[in-house]
């Protein structure tokens, strides 16, 4: 069964946890949105009714005013005709002007109320449009949250599967190690035969890696070490002797070191190396123990290469000390000459050019870093804002993300984002 699936204990129907959460969230948000829209529509309807009532009152007032104006006009005209004086005409003109101004003011009021009605209708259309956009955004957020929940569930399942595979691999590895140990014990022969096999294999390796050296085994039956390696330069000059002793036993013996040091004196060897399968407790791979190098078979050849290189370097220093005064005089003339000066100037010029190029690259990279830093801050700010919006909508049902909570390094780096989160 999928880890993200829940079975109803009443009807036995199985459904995904993400679907249940999104359904509850959708119902809750839909109820709140419908209530808000209904409230806004009721408010808009109330305002519209008030405007209509005011318009009706204005129409009635306008009709009454028109009747009054006509009545007064007729009366004034009668008086004007009766009196036929300029004073009455002037007074009549002033009253007519007042009536016209009053009519104009009423017309302006009606126009203002109509503009308010138009604005309310526009607000109603805007609210409907915002509702549609909010539904679309909500559906997108729900789809993203569903995908995130599904991804987390798949990640947990993969992690459990990976841990089970690791457990199986460990069991197989332990069985292989036990099988190899049993096979080695079954194939284990005499100690002398094993030692001869290790000695022959190691001798072949030394001959294959160090072609210029002379490698000779100590004859069987003669007291001494196993192999004598005479280190030579490519020109054939002797640089020293490496004395080798091989042991193919797991148990370490402290008697091997004194015996090998006596063999060094007898063979006049420069260095002695003891290659053994069983190392002392203080040695991990190889180390210098009481003047003798002790190593396991895997590190023996690299250790021989390092010691051989050291012996070649010592021989080169001994050779370089010959004719030292003549070489110092030649070196002085070279340092005081024009060729050395030109080479130093060339090195300085190249270094200066490289330094200028590094400075230009540093300035360009700092510019790119600043742009990327601003982009990263913008991404973090938008991410924290989205996380805060989801927490405000869903509440405690959304899983907490430690990197976006207060007190973490990510939020501390942006103080202004702490309020958003």
Protein backbone atom coordinates (compact mmCIF):
# COMPACT_ATOMS: atom_id res chain seq x y z
CA UNK A 1 0.00 0.00 0.00
CA UNK A 2 1.20 3.52 -0.80
CA UNK A 3 2.50 5.31 2.35
CA UNK A 4 0.38 8.32 1.45
CA UNK A 5 -2.93 6.30 1.29
CA UNK A 6 -5.52 6.17 4.12
CA UNK A 7 -8.34 3.58 4.41
CA UNK A 8 -11.68 4.64 5.90
CA UNK A 9 -12.53 2.45 8.91
CA UNK A 10 -16.28 2.76 8.16
CA UNK A 11 -16.59 1.89 4.47
CA UNK A 12 -13.07 0.56 3.75
CA UNK A 13 -12.59 3.06 0.92
CA UNK A 14 -8.91 3.96 0.29
CA UNK A 15 -7.93 7.45 -0.69
CA UNK A 16 -4.71 9.50 -0.72
CA UNK A 17 -3.88 11.70 2.25
CA UNK A 18 -3.06 14.60 -0.08
CA UNK A 19 -6.57 14.41 -1.63
CA UNK A 20 -8.23 14.55 1.81
CA UNK A 21 -6.15 17.53 2.86
CA UNK A 22 -6.72 19.42 -0.40
CA UNK A 23 -10.49 18.67 -0.27
CA UNK A 24 -10.76 20.06 3.27
CA UNK A 25 -8.67 23.10 2.36
CA UNK A 26 -10.74 23.71 -0.80
CA UNK A 27 -14.07 23.46 1.12
CA UNK A 28 -12.85 25.75 3.87
CA UNK A 29 -11.52 28.38 1.45
CA UNK A 30 -14.62 28.08 -0.76
CA UNK A 31 -16.92 28.71 2.24
CA UNK A 32 -14.91 31.74 3.38
CA UNK A 33 -14.75 33.14 -0.16
CA UNK A 34 -18.51 32.67 -0.74
CA UNK A 35 -19.29 34.40 2.56
CA UNK A 36 -16.98 37.30 1.66
CA UNK A 37 -18.45 37.64 -1.85
CA UNK A 38 -22.03 37.47 -0.48
CA UNK A 39 -21.19 40.17 2.07
CA UNK A 40 -19.69 42.41 -0.62
CA UNK A 41 -22.66 41.83 -2.97
CA UNK A 42 -25.12 42.69 -0.16
CA UNK A 43 -23.18 45.90 0.59
CA UNK A 44 -23.14 46.83 -3.11
CA UNK A 45 -26.88 46.08 -3.40
CA UNK A 46 -27.59 48.22 -0.32
CA UNK A 47 -25.65 51.15 -1.77
CA UNK A 48 -27.37 50.68 -5.14
CA UNK A 49 -30.80 50.72 -3.44
CA UNK A 50 -29.86 53.91 -1.60
CA UNK A 51 -28.79 55.52 -4.88
CA UNK A 52 -32.03 54.46 -6.55
CA UNK A 53 -34.06 55.84 -3.62
CA UNK A 54 -32.18 59.12 -3.83
CA UNK A 55 -32.76 59.25 -7.59
CA UNK A 56 -36.50 58.70 -7.11
CA UNK A 57 -36.60 61.41 -4.46
CA UNK A 58 -34.69 63.73 -6.79
CA UNK A 59 -37.10 62.96 -9.66
CA UNK A 60 -40.09 63.74 -7.42
CA UNK A 61 -38.41 66.91 -6.18
CA UNK A 62 -37.61 67.84 -9.76
CA UNK A 63 -41.23 67.33 -10.83
CA UNK A 64 -42.51 69.32 -7.89
CA UNK A 65 -39.95 72.00 -8.59
CA UNK A 66 -40.92 72.12 -12.24
CA UNK A 67 -44.60 72.50 -11.29
CA UNK A 68 -43.71 75.19 -8.79
CA UNK A 69 -41.56 76.94 -11.36
CA UNK A 70 -44.28 76.83 -13.97
CA UNK A 71 -46.84 78.09 -11.44
CA UNK A 72 -44.60 80.90 -10.31
CA UNK A 73 -43.67 81.71 -13.88
CA UNK A 74 -47.29 81.99 -14.86
CA UNK A 75 -47.96 84.14 -11.81
CA UNK A 76 -44.96 86.35 -12.51
CA UNK A 77 -45.86 86.66 -16.17
CA UNK A 78 -49.35 87.73 -15.20
CA UNK A 79 -48.02 90.30 -12.78
CA UNK A 80 -45.48 91.44 -15.34
CA UNK A 81 -48.14 91.90 -17.96
CA UNK A 82 -50.33 93.73 -15.45
CA UNK A 83 -47.67 96.07 -14.12
CA UNK A 84 -45.46 96.10 -17.30
CA UNK A 85 -42.71 97.88 -15.46
CA UNK A 86 -38.95 97.38 -15.76
CA UNK A 87 -38.60 96.92 -12.03
CA UNK A 88 -40.83 93.85 -12.14
CA UNK A 89 -39.01 92.56 -15.20
CA UNK A 90 -35.66 92.91 -13.43
CA UNK A 91 -36.98 91.17 -10.33
CA UNK A 92 -38.51 88.44 -12.48
CA UNK A 93 -35.18 87.99 -14.25
CA UNK A 94 -33.35 87.61 -10.94
CA UNK A 95 -35.83 85.02 -9.68
CA UNK A 96 -35.64 83.15 -12.96
CA UNK A 97 -31.88 83.05 -12.67
CA UNK A 98 -32.14 81.69 -9.16
CA UNK A 99 -34.52 79.01 -10.31
CA UNK A 100 -32.20 78.07 -13.18
CA UNK A 101 -29.24 77.85 -10.80
CA UNK A 102 -31.29 75.63 -8.50
CA UNK A 103 -32.24 73.37 -11.41
CA UNK A 104 -28.61 73.17 -12.48
CA UNK A 105 -27.55 72.23 -8.96
CA UNK A 106 -30.18 69.48 -8.85
CA UNK A 107 -29.02 68.19 -12.25
CA UNK A 108 -25.41 68.10 -11.00
CA UNK A 109 -26.52 66.10 -7.94
CA UNK A 110 -28.35 63.59 -10.16
CA UNK A 111 -25.26 63.28 -12.36
CA UNK A 112 -23.07 62.67 -9.29
CA UNK A 113 -25.39 59.94 -8.02
CA UNK A 114 -25.34 58.26 -11.43
CA UNK A 115 -21.53 58.35 -11.48
CA UNK A 116 -21.51 56.73 -8.03
CA UNK A 117 -23.83 54.02 -9.30
CA UNK A 118 -21.50 53.39 -12.26
CA UNK A 119 -18.51 53.18 -9.90
CA UNK A 120 -20.31 50.66 -7.71
CA UNK A 121 -21.10 48.51 -10.72
CA UNK A 122 -17.44 48.64 -11.77
CA UNK A 123 -16.39 47.59 -8.26
CA UNK A 124 -18.80 44.68 -8.47
CA UNK A 125 -17.24 43.53 -11.76
CA UNK A 126 -13.78 43.94 -10.24
CA UNK A 127 -14.76 41.82 -7.25
CA UNK A 128 -16.03 39.07 -9.54
CA UNK A 129 -12.78 39.18 -11.52
CA UNK A 130 -10.70 39.02 -8.31
CA UNK A 131 -12.76 36.05 -7.20
CA UNK A 132 -11.99 34.20 -10.44
CA UNK A 133 -8.26 35.00 -10.13
CA UNK A 134 -8.26 33.88 -6.50
CA UNK A 135 -9.90 30.57 -7.45
CA UNK A 136 -7.25 30.04 -10.14
CA UNK A 137 -4.37 30.84 -7.73
CA UNK A 138 -5.89 28.61 -5.09
CA UNK A 139 -6.13 25.71 -7.52
CA UNK A 140 -2.50 26.22 -8.54
CA UNK A 141 -1.34 26.27 -4.92
CA UNK A 142 -3.35 23.15 -4.19
CA UNK A 143 -1.77 21.39 -7.17
CA UNK A 144 1.72 22.44 -6.00
CA UNK A 145 1.02 21.28 -2.46
CA UNK A 146 -0.33 17.95 -3.76
CA UNK A 147 2.81 17.47 -5.88
CA UNK A 148 5.02 18.35 -2.88
CA UNK A 149 3.23 15.83 -0.63
CA UNK A 150 3.51 13.15 -3.31
CA UNK A 151 7.21 13.93 -3.78
CA UNK A 152 7.88 13.69 -0.02
CA UNK A 153 6.07 10.35 0.14
CA UNK A 154 8.07 9.01 -2.81
CA UNK A 155 11.31 10.27 -1.21
CA UNK A 156 10.52 8.48 2.06
CA UNK A 157 9.71 5.27 0.18
CA UNK A 158 12.97 5.50 -1.80
CA UNK A 159 14.95 6.15 1.38
CA UNK A 160 13.42 3.07 3.05
CA UNK A 161 14.17 1.00 -0.04
CA UNK A 162 17.76 2.30 -0.08
CA UNK A 163 18.27 1.42 3.59
CA UNK A 164 16.97 -2.09 2.95
CA UNK A 165 19.37 -2.44 0.00
CA UNK A 166 22.25 -1.29 2.20
CA UNK A 167 21.30 -3.88 4.82
CA UNK A 168 21.27 -6.58 2.14
CA UNK A 169 24.64 -5.41 0.79
CA UNK A 170 26.13 -5.47 4.31
CA UNK A 171 24.88 -9.02 4.87
CA UNK A 172 26.31 -10.10 1.50
CA UNK A 173 29.63 -8.37 2.29
CA UNK A 174 29.84 -10.08 5.69
CA UNK A 175 29.11 -13.45 4.07
CA UNK A 176 31.79 -12.82 1.44
CA UNK A 177 34.34 -11.90 4.12
CA UNK A 178 33.49 -15.03 6.09
CA UNK A 179 33.73 -17.13 2.91
CA UNK A 180 37.11 -15.63 2.01
CA UNK A 181 38.39 -16.26 5.54
CA UNK A 182 37.22 -19.88 5.40
CA UNK A 183 38.74 -20.31 1.94
CA UNK A 184 42.05 -18.87 3.10
CA UNK A 185 42.09 -21.21 6.10
CA UNK A 186 41.23 -24.17 3.86
CA UNK A 187 43.98 -23.31 1.34
CA UNK A 188 46.54 -22.44 3.99
CA UNK A 189 49.64 -24.62 3.59
CA UNK A 190 52.89 -24.68 5.41
CA UNK A 191 54.43 -21.42 6.64
CA UNK A 192 57.58 -22.01 4.63
CA UNK A 193 55.66 -22.48 1.37
CA UNK A 194 53.64 -19.31 1.95
CA UNK A 195 56.77 -17.32 2.70
CA UNK A 196 58.45 -18.55 -0.49
CA UNK A 197 55.40 -17.60 -2.58
CA UNK A 198 55.29 -14.08 -1.07
CA UNK A 199 59.05 -13.67 -1.54
CA UNK A 200 58.95 -14.77 -5.19
CA UNK A 201 55.97 -12.53 -5.99
CA UNK A 202 57.57 -9.55 -4.27
CA UNK A 203 60.87 -10.14 -6.06
CA UNK A 204 59.02 -10.14 -9.40
CA UNK A 205 57.34 -6.85 -8.49
CA UNK A 206 60.65 -5.22 -7.57
CA UNK A 207 62.22 -6.32 -10.86
CA UNK A 208 59.21 -5.02 -12.80
CA UNK A 209 59.14 -1.58 -11.14
CA UNK A 210 62.88 -0.90 -10.72
CA UNK A 211 64.53 -1.91 -13.97
CA UNK A 212 67.90 -0.24 -13.31
CA UNK A 213 68.45 -1.81 -9.85
CA UNK A 214 70.18 -5.09 -9.15
CA UNK A 215 67.87 -7.37 -7.13
CA UNK A 216 69.23 -10.66 -5.85
CA UNK A 217 67.71 -13.16 -3.39
CA UNK A 218 69.71 -14.43 -0.45
CA UNK A 219 70.59 -18.09 -1.19
CA UNK A 220 68.46 -20.57 0.72
CA UNK A 221 70.19 -22.02 3.78
CA UNK A 222 72.34 -18.94 4.38
CA UNK A 223 71.54 -16.85 7.43
CA UNK A 224 70.24 -13.40 6.41
CA UNK A 225 67.33 -11.49 4.89
CA UNK A 226 65.32 -12.45 1.79
CA UNK A 227 66.22 -9.89 -0.90
CA UNK A 228 69.05 -7.42 -1.49
CA UNK A 229 68.23 -4.46 -3.76
CA UNK A 230 71.20 -2.43 -4.96
CA UNK A 231 69.86 1.00 -6.01
CA UNK A 232 71.47 2.30 -9.20
CA UNK A 233 71.11 5.38 -11.38
CA UNK A 234 70.20 5.06 -15.08
CA UNK A 235 73.94 5.44 -15.76
CA UNK A 236 74.68 2.41 -13.56
CA UNK A 237 76.18 4.19 -10.53
CA UNK A 238 75.49 2.49 -7.14
CA UNK A 239 73.60 4.68 -4.64
CA UNK A 240 73.02 2.27 -1.73
CA UNK A 241 71.43 -1.04 -0.66
CA UNK A 242 67.86 -1.79 0.42
CA UNK A 243 67.52 -4.95 2.49
CA UNK A 244 64.14 -6.73 2.29
CA UNK A 245 62.58 -9.27 4.67
CA UNK A 246 59.11 -10.80 3.95
CA UNK A 247 56.79 -12.48 6.46
CA UNK A 248 53.47 -14.08 5.54
CA UNK A 249 52.08 -14.58 9.04
CA UNK A 250 49.30 -12.83 10.93
CA UNK A 251 51.12 -12.83 14.29
CA UNK A 252 53.74 -10.14 14.86
CA UNK A 253 57.03 -10.97 16.56
CA UNK A 254 59.26 -8.40 18.24
CA UNK A 255 62.33 -10.58 17.45
CA UNK A 256 62.19 -9.72 13.74
CA UNK A 257 63.51 -6.18 14.18
CA UNK A 258 66.80 -7.02 16.00
CA UNK A 259 67.48 -9.88 13.59
CA UNK A 260 66.96 -7.63 10.54
CA UNK A 261 69.25 -4.95 12.05
CA UNK A 262 72.00 -7.57 12.42
CA UNK A 263 71.49 -8.51 8.78
CA UNK A 264 71.88 -4.83 7.83
CA UNK A 265 75.30 -4.77 9.48
CA UNK A 266 76.33 -7.98 7.76
CA UNK A 267 75.24 -6.80 4.28
CA UNK A 268 76.22 -3.11 4.82
CA UNK A 269 72.69 -2.09 3.76
CA UNK A 270 71.61 1.56 3.79
CA UNK A 271 68.02 0.82 4.85
CA UNK A 272 66.02 -2.26 5.85
CA UNK A 273 62.34 -2.89 5.09
CA UNK A 274 60.21 -5.61 6.72
CA UNK A 275 57.15 -6.58 4.67
CA UNK A 276 54.63 -8.48 6.78
CA UNK A 277 50.94 -9.34 6.69
CA UNK A 278 50.60 -8.99 10.47
CA UNK A 279 51.60 -5.46 11.53
CA UNK A 280 52.33 -4.23 15.06
CA UNK A 281 49.46 -2.56 16.92
CA UNK A 282 51.06 0.89 16.55
CA UNK A 283 51.38 0.65 12.73
CA UNK A 284 48.43 1.12 10.36
CA UNK A 285 49.96 0.77 6.87
CA UNK A 286 53.69 1.48 7.19
CA UNK A 287 55.96 3.23 9.69
CA UNK A 288 59.54 3.42 10.98
CA UNK A 289 59.91 1.03 13.94
CA UNK A 290 63.22 1.15 15.87
CA UNK A 291 65.24 2.14 12.80
CA UNK A 292 63.57 -0.40 10.46
CA UNK A 293 60.76 0.34 8.02
CA UNK A 294 57.71 -1.94 8.55
CA UNK A 295 55.03 -2.12 5.83
CA UNK A 296 52.17 -4.26 4.60
CA UNK A 297 52.45 -5.85 1.09
CA UNK A 298 50.21 -3.22 -0.56
CA UNK A 299 52.35 -0.24 0.52
CA UNK A 300 55.74 -1.91 0.10
CA UNK A 301 56.34 -0.88 -3.54
CA UNK A 302 55.31 2.81 -3.02
CA UNK A 303 57.50 2.91 0.10
CA UNK A 304 60.42 1.44 -1.88
CA UNK A 305 59.95 4.08 -4.58
CA UNK A 306 60.05 6.89 -1.98
CA UNK A 307 63.14 5.50 -0.19
CA UNK A 308 64.86 4.84 -3.52
CA UNK A 309 64.17 8.43 -4.63
CA UNK A 310 65.68 9.69 -1.37
CA UNK A 311 68.84 7.61 -1.95
CA UNK A 312 69.12 8.95 -5.52
CA UNK A 313 68.76 12.52 -4.21
CA UNK A 314 71.51 11.94 -1.61
CA UNK A 315 73.78 10.53 -4.30
CA UNK A 316 73.06 13.54 -6.51
CA UNK A 317 74.00 15.90 -3.66
CA UNK A 318 77.24 14.01 -3.11
CA UNK A 319 78.03 14.28 -6.81
CA UNK A 320 77.13 17.98 -6.91
CA UNK A 321 79.65 18.76 -4.12
CA UNK A 322 82.44 17.81 -6.48
CA UNK A 323 83.92 20.98 -8.07
CA UNK A 324 81.86 23.22 -5.85
CA UNK A 325 84.11 26.32 -6.16
CA UNK A 326 84.11 26.21 -9.96
CA UNK A 327 80.34 25.89 -10.01
CA UNK A 328 79.92 28.83 -7.61
CA UNK A 329 82.05 31.03 -9.88
CA UNK A 330 80.00 29.97 -12.93
CA UNK A 331 76.80 30.70 -11.02
CA UNK A 332 78.07 34.17 -10.04
CA UNK A 333 78.88 35.05 -13.65
CA UNK A 334 75.46 33.80 -14.75
CA UNK A 335 73.63 35.86 -12.11
CA UNK A 336 75.62 38.98 -13.03
CA UNK A 337 75.03 38.52 -16.78
CA UNK A 338 72.37 39.96 -19.11
CA UNK A 339 70.71 36.60 -19.80
CA UNK A 340 69.62 36.20 -16.16
CA UNK A 341 68.39 39.81 -16.10
CA UNK A 342 66.32 39.32 -19.29
CA UNK A 343 64.76 36.12 -17.96
CA UNK A 344 63.84 37.79 -14.65
CA UNK A 345 62.30 40.75 -16.55
CA UNK A 346 60.30 38.30 -18.69
CA UNK A 347 59.07 36.52 -15.57
CA UNK A 348 58.10 39.84 -13.92
CA UNK A 349 56.27 41.03 -17.06
CA UNK A 350 54.39 37.74 -17.34
CA UNK A 351 53.54 37.87 -13.62
CA UNK A 352 52.32 41.49 -13.96
CA UNK A 353 50.12 40.56 -16.92
CA UNK A 354 48.75 37.58 -15.01
CA UNK A 355 48.09 39.81 -11.99
CA UNK A 356 46.18 42.34 -14.14
CA UNK A 357 44.15 39.51 -15.68
CA UNK A 358 43.37 38.13 -12.21
CA UNK A 359 42.23 41.59 -11.04
CA UNK A 360 39.96 41.99 -14.08
CA UNK A 361 38.50 38.54 -13.54
CA UNK A 362 38.01 39.29 -9.82
CA UNK A 363 36.10 42.51 -10.62
CA UNK A 364 33.94 40.70 -13.18
CA UNK A 365 33.26 37.84 -10.78
CA UNK A 366 32.40 40.26 -7.94
CA UNK A 367 29.87 41.90 -10.25
CA UNK A 368 28.35 38.52 -11.10
CA UNK A 369 28.38 37.55 -7.41
CA UNK A 370 26.52 40.72 -6.43
CA UNK A 371 23.89 40.11 -9.13
CA UNK A 372 23.49 36.48 -8.04
CA UNK A 373 23.27 37.53 -4.39
CA UNK A 374 20.42 39.90 -5.20
CA UNK A 375 18.66 37.19 -7.21
CA UNK A 376 19.09 34.73 -4.32
CA UNK A 377 17.69 37.27 -1.84
CA UNK A 378 14.71 37.81 -4.15
CA UNK A 379 14.09 34.05 -4.44
CA UNK A 380 14.34 33.61 -0.65
CA UNK A 381 12.00 36.55 -0.02
CA UNK A 382 9.37 35.23 -2.45
CA UNK A 383 9.72 31.70 -1.04
CA UNK A 384 9.25 32.87 2.53
CA UNK A 385 6.30 35.02 1.45
CA UNK A 386 4.64 32.05 -0.24
CA UNK A 387 5.30 29.90 2.85
CA UNK A 388 3.75 32.56 5.07
CA UNK A 389 0.69 32.85 2.81
CA UNK A 390 0.16 29.09 2.93
CA UNK A 391 0.48 29.09 6.73
CA UNK A 392 -2.05 31.90 6.95
CA UNK A 393 -4.50 30.01 4.71
CA UNK A 394 -4.04 26.43 5.90
CA UNK A 395 -2.90 27.08 9.47
CA UNK A 396 -1.07 24.36 11.39
CA UNK A 397 -1.87 21.67 8.80
CA UNK A 398 1.12 22.59 6.64
CA UNK A 399 4.40 20.84 7.64
CA UNK A 400 6.98 23.19 9.14
CA UNK A 401 10.14 23.91 7.12
CA UNK A 402 13.00 24.54 9.61
CA UNK A 403 14.99 26.66 7.12
CA UNK A 404 12.06 29.11 6.84
CA UNK A 405 11.20 29.33 10.57
CA UNK A 406 12.36 32.10 12.92
CA UNK A 407 15.77 31.61 14.52
CA UNK A 408 17.39 29.76 11.59
CA UNK A 409 20.41 30.96 9.69
CA UNK A 410 18.46 31.43 6.45
CA UNK A 411 15.89 33.77 8.04
CA UNK A 412 18.45 35.58 10.22
CA UNK A 413 20.34 36.51 7.06
CA UNK A 414 17.26 38.48 5.92
CA UNK A 415 15.73 40.32 8.91
CA UNK A 416 12.96 41.83 6.82
CA UNK A 417 11.77 38.33 5.89
CA UNK A 418 11.26 37.25 9.50
CA UNK A 419 7.99 39.22 9.69
CA UNK A 420 6.76 37.65 6.44
CA UNK A 421 7.52 34.09 7.63
